[in-house]
Amino acid sequence: MLDRLPRYIDPLHLADKRGELKGELSLKDFGRLGNMLFDTDGKVVVDLFFSREGRQAKIEGKIETHLQLICQNCLKALDWPVQAEVHLGIVNSLEQIDRLPPGFEPLFVEGEKVFLQDIIEDELLLNLPQYPKHPEPCADQDTGSRTPSQPEADRQKRQDNPFSILTNLKNLESPHGSTKK
């Protein structure tokens, strides 16, 4: 395994020579992913193999890491293991997308060099939940305030209603025992 993966790669050149990249990247280096993490300590293990199938250049492999996401209910750490399979077809036009093998996603390459970290970060982001939260109710959600009981909550709702005074006026009885209209 490489101590240091290259920052930029030429995926077409790597595909031509059937290259392989194995190594680790620090979670601290991922800007877009960093905003979703409770803790940026840790590494991403990368194992990518570049090849061609006919004229189609491909990247296959896996990415593994263990993330500490921020639970959106309690704002505490949420363990999220990631074992992502990578299946990318290298394309430079929309027409080439239709010719990708089944199960492959397009990777648009306009120049020769591509920032490797962006490819890895995209794959990690695709494997995250849209709304990260613990599978069971969060235990430490005590906000310090007492939750009112149901009858008390209903009474508060009626008092908070600005039209509740109209209900009281409507229910006033006239001196003769009939309801005012």
Protein backbone atom coordinates (compact mmCIF):
# COMPACT_ATOMS: atom_id res chain seq x y z
CA MET A 1 0.00 0.00 0.00
CA LEU A 2 1.29 3.45 -0.88
CA ASP A 3 2.00 5.89 1.92
CA ARG A 4 0.94 8.68 -0.35
CA LEU A 5 -1.42 8.46 -3.30
CA PRO A 6 -0.83 10.88 -6.18
CA ARG A 7 -2.85 14.10 -6.05
CA TYR A 8 -3.57 14.09 -9.78
CA ILE A 9 -3.95 11.08 -12.05
CA ASP A 10 -4.30 10.51 -15.78
CA PRO A 11 -7.07 7.86 -15.77
CA LEU A 12 -6.77 7.13 -19.51
CA HIS A 13 -3.03 6.51 -19.23
CA LEU A 14 -3.57 4.33 -16.16
CA ALA A 15 -6.27 2.37 -18.04
CA ASP A 16 -3.92 1.83 -21.01
CA LYS A 17 -1.24 0.32 -18.78
CA ARG A 18 -3.75 -1.47 -16.49
CA GLY A 19 -2.61 0.53 -13.49
CA GLU A 20 -3.57 0.04 -9.89
CA LEU A 21 -3.69 2.53 -7.02
CA LYS A 22 -3.66 1.34 -3.43
CA GLY A 23 -3.20 3.61 -0.48
CA GLU A 24 -4.79 5.82 2.14
CA LEU A 25 -6.12 9.36 2.26
CA SER A 26 -6.78 11.36 5.42
CA LEU A 27 -10.38 12.34 6.16
CA LYS A 28 -9.11 15.82 7.08
CA ASP A 29 -8.37 16.48 3.40
CA PHE A 30 -12.00 16.17 2.25
CA GLY A 31 -13.64 19.61 2.33
CA ARG A 32 -17.19 18.78 1.25
CA LEU A 33 -17.32 15.67 3.41
CA GLY A 34 -15.77 17.43 6.41
CA ASN A 35 -18.90 19.51 7.07
CA MET A 36 -20.89 16.33 7.68
CA LEU A 37 -18.40 14.70 10.04
CA PHE A 38 -18.39 14.79 13.83
CA ASP A 39 -14.71 13.84 13.81
CA THR A 40 -12.26 14.09 10.89
CA ASP A 41 -9.71 11.69 12.37
CA GLY A 42 -9.26 8.59 10.30
CA LYS A 43 -8.23 7.32 6.90
CA VAL A 44 -9.90 6.21 3.69
CA VAL A 45 -8.45 3.01 2.26
CA VAL A 46 -8.40 3.16 -1.55
CA ASP A 47 -7.96 0.21 -3.92
CA LEU A 48 -8.61 1.12 -7.58
CA PHE A 49 -7.83 -0.79 -10.74
CA PHE A 50 -7.79 0.93 -14.16
CA SER A 51 -8.47 -1.03 -17.36
CA ARG A 52 -10.06 -0.97 -20.80
CA GLU A 53 -12.87 -3.04 -22.20
CA GLY A 54 -12.58 -2.46 -25.93
CA ARG A 55 -12.34 1.30 -26.28
CA GLN A 56 -14.05 1.97 -22.93
CA ALA A 57 -11.70 2.98 -20.09
CA LYS A 58 -12.91 1.88 -16.64
CA ILE A 59 -12.09 2.29 -12.97
CA GLU A 60 -13.09 -0.51 -10.62
CA GLY A 61 -12.28 -1.16 -7.02
CA LYS A 62 -13.35 -0.32 -3.50
CA ILE A 63 -13.14 2.41 -0.91
CA GLU A 64 -13.34 1.64 2.80
CA THR A 65 -13.51 3.87 5.84
CA HIS A 66 -15.28 4.35 9.14
CA LEU A 67 -16.96 7.75 9.47
CA GLN A 68 -18.28 9.61 12.50
CA LEU A 69 -21.27 11.49 11.08
CA ILE A 70 -23.31 14.09 12.96
CA CYS A 71 -26.70 12.71 14.02
CA GLN A 72 -29.33 15.20 12.89
CA ASN A 73 -31.50 14.47 15.94
CA CYS A 74 -29.07 14.73 18.86
CA LEU A 75 -26.02 16.30 17.11
CA LYS A 76 -23.77 13.58 18.57
CA ALA A 77 -21.48 11.10 16.79
CA LEU A 78 -23.03 8.43 14.59
CA ASP A 79 -20.82 5.54 13.49
CA TRP A 80 -21.10 4.94 9.74
CA PRO A 81 -18.91 2.26 8.13
CA VAL A 82 -18.42 2.66 4.38
CA GLN A 83 -17.44 -0.17 2.06
CA ALA A 84 -18.15 1.28 -1.37
CA GLU A 85 -17.69 -0.59 -4.63
CA VAL A 86 -16.42 1.68 -7.41
CA HIS A 87 -17.55 1.14 -11.02
CA LEU A 88 -16.77 4.17 -13.17
CA GLY A 89 -16.63 4.48 -16.93
CA ILE A 90 -14.37 7.29 -18.17
CA VAL A 91 -16.25 9.48 -20.66
CA ASN A 92 -15.71 12.88 -22.27
CA SER A 93 -19.11 13.33 -24.00
CA LEU A 94 -22.78 12.66 -23.31
CA GLU A 95 -22.95 10.17 -26.18
CA GLN A 96 -20.42 7.91 -24.47
CA ILE A 97 -22.65 7.52 -21.40
CA ASP A 98 -25.09 5.33 -23.37
CA ARG A 99 -22.25 2.93 -24.22
CA LEU A 100 -21.20 2.31 -20.61
CA PRO A 101 -21.46 -1.28 -19.38
CA PRO A 102 -24.43 -1.98 -17.05
CA GLY A 103 -23.75 -0.91 -13.47
CA PHE A 104 -21.15 1.71 -14.37
CA GLU A 105 -21.45 5.40 -13.57
CA PRO A 106 -19.87 8.06 -15.80
CA LEU A 107 -16.73 9.93 -14.81
CA PHE A 108 -16.38 12.98 -17.05
CA VAL A 109 -12.76 13.67 -17.93
CA GLU A 110 -12.11 16.83 -19.95
CA GLY A 111 -8.33 17.10 -19.67
CA GLU A 112 -5.62 14.60 -19.05
CA LYS A 113 -5.31 15.03 -15.29
CA VAL A 114 -8.01 14.46 -12.68
CA PHE A 115 -7.84 15.27 -8.96
CA LEU A 116 -7.97 11.79 -7.35
CA GLN A 117 -9.36 13.11 -4.08
CA ASP A 118 -12.46 14.45 -5.88
CA ILE A 119 -13.24 11.01 -7.28
CA ILE A 120 -12.91 9.42 -3.83
CA GLU A 121 -14.93 12.16 -2.12
CA ASP A 122 -17.75 11.84 -4.67
CA GLU A 123 -17.95 8.10 -4.03
CA LEU A 124 -18.02 8.63 -0.26
CA LEU A 125 -20.76 11.26 -0.50
CA LEU A 126 -22.89 8.90 -2.60
CA ASN A 127 -22.71 6.34 0.22
CA LEU A 128 -23.94 8.65 2.99
CA PRO A 129 -27.52 8.83 4.23
CA GLN A 130 -29.47 11.93 3.28
CA TYR A 131 -30.51 12.49 6.90
CA PRO A 132 -28.01 10.79 9.26
CA LYS A 133 -29.58 9.72 12.54
CA HIS A 134 -29.27 6.93 15.05
CA PRO A 135 -31.46 3.87 14.25
CA GLU A 136 -33.03 4.00 17.72
CA PRO A 137 -34.34 7.13 19.48
CA CYS A 138 -31.50 9.28 20.73
CA ALA A 139 -31.20 8.94 24.51
CA ASP A 140 -29.59 12.30 25.27
CA GLN A 141 -32.17 14.64 23.81
CA ASP A 142 -33.02 16.27 27.14
CA THR A 143 -33.31 19.97 26.45
CA GLY A 144 -33.70 20.84 30.13
CA SER A 145 -37.36 21.78 29.81
CA ARG A 146 -40.27 19.70 30.95
CA THR A 147 -42.53 18.34 28.24
CA PRO A 148 -46.15 19.21 29.08
CA SER A 149 -48.69 16.42 29.48
CA GLN A 150 -51.31 16.04 26.74
CA PRO A 151 -54.19 17.89 28.54
CA GLU A 152 -51.79 20.64 29.54
CA ALA A 153 -50.52 20.90 25.97
CA ASP A 154 -54.09 21.13 24.63
CA ARG A 155 -54.90 23.90 27.11
CA GLN A 156 -51.76 25.79 26.06
CA LYS A 157 -52.79 25.49 22.41
CA ARG A 158 -56.20 26.95 23.17
CA GLN A 159 -54.66 29.82 25.16
CA ASP A 160 -52.13 30.54 22.43
CA ASN A 161 -54.87 30.73 19.80
CA PRO A 162 -55.61 34.43 19.15
CA PHE A 163 -59.22 33.58 18.23
CA SER A 164 -59.95 31.75 21.49
CA ILE A 165 -61.59 34.92 22.84
CA LEU A 166 -64.13 34.75 20.01
CA THR A 167 -65.08 31.24 21.11
CA ASN A 168 -65.76 32.60 24.60
CA LEU A 169 -67.89 35.46 23.21
CA LYS A 170 -69.87 33.05 21.06
CA ASN A 171 -70.70 30.91 24.09
CA LEU A 172 -71.98 33.85 26.20
CA GLU A 173 -75.59 33.49 27.17
CA SER A 174 -78.08 36.34 27.18
CA PRO A 175 -79.90 37.22 30.42
CA HIS A 176 -82.99 35.28 29.18
CA GLY A 177 -81.09 31.95 28.87
CA SER A 178 -80.70 31.98 25.09
CA THR A 179 -77.41 32.20 23.31
CA LYS A 180 -76.53 35.54 21.69
CA LYS A 181 -76.20 35.54 17.94
